[in-house]
C-alpha atoms as a PDB file:
ATOM      1  CA  UNK A   1     -20.088  -4.796  12.167  1.00  0.00           C
ATOM      2  CA  UNK A   2     -20.468  -1.051  12.650  1.00  0.00           C
ATOM      3  CA  UNK A   3     -18.063  -0.300   9.795  1.00  0.00           C
ATOM      4  CA  UNK A   4     -20.223  -2.324   7.383  1.00  0.00           C
ATOM      5  CA  UNK A   5     -22.843   0.410   7.509  1.00  0.00           C
ATOM      6  CA  UNK A   6     -26.570   0.145   7.370  1.00  0.00           C
ATOM      7  CA  UNK A   7     -29.498   2.399   8.136  1.00  0.00           C
ATOM      8  CA  UNK A   8     -29.939   0.689  11.516  1.00  0.00           C
ATOM      9  CA  UNK A   9     -26.941   2.606  12.859  1.00  0.00           C
ATOM     10  CA  UNK A  10     -28.978   5.826  12.833  1.00  0.00           C
ATOM     11  CA  UNK A  11     -31.348   4.322  15.427  1.00  0.00           C
ATOM     12  CA  UNK A  12     -28.654   4.044  18.085  1.00  0.00           C
ATOM     13  CA  UNK A  13     -28.709   7.115  20.306  1.00  0.00           C
ATOM     14  CA  UNK A  14     -26.922   5.963  23.435  1.00  0.00           C
ATOM     15  CA  UNK A  15     -24.217   3.641  24.738  1.00  0.00           C
ATOM     16  CA  UNK A  16     -23.404   2.656  28.310  1.00  0.00           C
ATOM     17  CA  UNK A  17     -20.202   0.674  28.411  1.00  0.00           C
ATOM     18  CA  UNK A  18     -18.492  -1.298  31.137  1.00  0.00           C
ATOM     19  CA  UNK A  19     -15.127   0.046  32.218  1.00  0.00           C
ATOM     20  CA  UNK A  20     -13.427  -3.323  31.946  1.00  0.00           C
ATOM     21  CA  UNK A  21     -12.359  -5.173  28.825  1.00  0.00           C
ATOM     22  CA  UNK A  22     -12.562  -8.486  30.703  1.00  0.00           C
ATOM     23  CA  UNK A  23     -15.200 -11.053  29.791  1.00  0.00           C
ATOM     24  CA  UNK A  24     -18.213 -11.570  32.043  1.00  0.00           C
ATOM     25  CA  UNK A  25     -16.754 -14.909  33.153  1.00  0.00           C
ATOM     26  CA  UNK A  26     -13.415 -13.313  34.055  1.00  0.00           C
ATOM     27  CA  UNK A  27     -15.165 -10.534  35.957  1.00  0.00           C
ATOM     28  CA  UNK A  28     -17.245 -13.068  37.884  1.00  0.00           C
ATOM     29  CA  UNK A  29     -14.059 -14.892  38.899  1.00  0.00           C
ATOM     30  CA  UNK A  30     -12.322 -11.629  39.823  1.00  0.00           C
ATOM     31  CA  UNK A  31     -14.741 -10.852  42.655  1.00  0.00           C
ATOM     32  CA  UNK A  32     -14.218  -7.063  42.491  1.00  0.00           C
ATOM     33  CA  UNK A  33     -15.042  -4.388  39.967  1.00  0.00           C
ATOM     34  CA  UNK A  34     -12.338  -3.798  37.375  1.00  0.00           C
ATOM     35  CA  UNK A  35     -11.994  -0.081  36.616  1.00  0.00           C
ATOM     36  CA  UNK A  36     -10.227  -0.708  33.312  1.00  0.00           C
ATOM     37  CA  UNK A  37      -8.483   2.240  31.680  1.00  0.00           C
ATOM     38  CA  UNK A  38     -10.489   5.506  31.581  1.00  0.00           C
ATOM     39  CA  UNK A  39      -8.481   6.918  28.655  1.00  0.00           C
ATOM     40  CA  UNK A  40      -8.950   3.802  26.522  1.00  0.00           C
ATOM     41  CA  UNK A  41     -12.663   3.701  27.256  1.00  0.00           C
ATOM     42  CA  UNK A  42     -13.007   7.388  26.371  1.00  0.00           C
ATOM     43  CA  UNK A  43     -11.172   6.951  23.069  1.00  0.00           C
ATOM     44  CA  UNK A  44     -13.310   3.956  22.147  1.00  0.00           C
ATOM     45  CA  UNK A  45     -16.525   5.778  23.011  1.00  0.00           C
ATOM     46  CA  UNK A  46     -15.506   8.895  21.046  1.00  0.00           C
ATOM     47  CA  UNK A  47     -14.655   6.732  18.028  1.00  0.00           C
ATOM     48  CA  UNK A  48     -18.232   5.450  17.996  1.00  0.00           C
ATOM     49  CA  UNK A  49     -19.306   8.926  16.904  1.00  0.00           C
ATOM     50  CA  UNK A  50     -17.742   8.262  13.511  1.00  0.00           C
ATOM     51  CA  UNK A  51     -19.983   5.263  12.814  1.00  0.00           C
ATOM     52  CA  UNK A  52     -23.122   6.079  14.803  1.00  0.00           C
ATOM     53  CA  UNK A  53     -24.368   9.383  13.373  1.00  0.00           C
ATOM     54  CA  UNK A  54     -27.059  10.089  15.987  1.00  0.00           C
ATOM     55  CA  UNK A  55     -25.158   9.022  19.080  1.00  0.00           C
ATOM     56  CA  UNK A  56     -25.615  11.669  21.746  1.00  0.00           C
ATOM     57  CA  UNK A  57     -25.949   9.825  25.054  1.00  0.00           C
ATOM     58  CA  UNK A  58     -22.729   8.362  26.449  1.00  0.00           C
ATOM     59  CA  UNK A  59     -22.340   6.821  29.842  1.00  0.00           C
ATOM     60  CA  UNK A  60     -20.855   4.113  31.918  1.00  0.00           C
ATOM     61  CA  UNK A  61     -21.944   0.940  33.586  1.00  0.00           C
ATOM     62  CA  UNK A  62     -20.132  -1.543  35.800  1.00  0.00           C
ATOM     63  CA  UNK A  63     -16.779  -0.277  37.023  1.00  0.00           C
ATOM     64  CA  UNK A  64     -17.095   3.266  35.718  1.00  0.00           C
ATOM     65  CA  UNK A  65     -16.874   6.319  37.922  1.00  0.00           C
ATOM     66  CA  UNK A  66     -16.376  10.082  37.610  1.00  0.00           C
ATOM     67  CA  UNK A  67     -12.915   9.571  36.045  1.00  0.00           C
ATOM     68  CA  UNK A  68     -14.368   7.582  33.156  1.00  0.00           C
ATOM     69  CA  UNK A  69     -17.269   9.953  32.563  1.00  0.00           C
ATOM     70  CA  UNK A  70     -14.963  12.974  32.630  1.00  0.00           C
ATOM     71  CA  UNK A  71     -12.600  11.389  30.104  1.00  0.00           C
ATOM     72  CA  UNK A  72     -15.510  10.349  27.882  1.00  0.00           C
ATOM     73  CA  UNK A  73     -16.861  13.904  27.898  1.00  0.00           C
ATOM     74  CA  UNK A  74     -13.450  15.374  27.100  1.00  0.00           C
ATOM     75  CA  UNK A  75     -12.826  12.895  24.262  1.00  0.00           C
ATOM     76  CA  UNK A  76     -16.300  13.440  22.810  1.00  0.00           C
ATOM     77  CA  UNK A  77     -15.944  17.217  22.801  1.00  0.00           C
ATOM     78  CA  UNK A  78     -12.418  17.046  21.367  1.00  0.00           C
ATOM     79  CA  UNK A  79     -13.607  15.113  18.296  1.00  0.00           C
ATOM     80  CA  UNK A  80     -15.815  17.993  17.139  1.00  0.00           C
END
């Protein structure tokens, strides 16, 4: 959807992503937070910069911690 373009993409300034790639149903059944893979999350978040021209607020939600945020920051800065 993001690759299809559209002026609406310029309105998105921030993204807070969950660390896990599991569905909400799978996470509910798991019973604990899934930390996912910090490097994968960081790469995915940095790649959003190519399709969301005004993105400048990146953060985490459920399951993220300092490892994820550090990797996201490093990946974001490396893409410049």
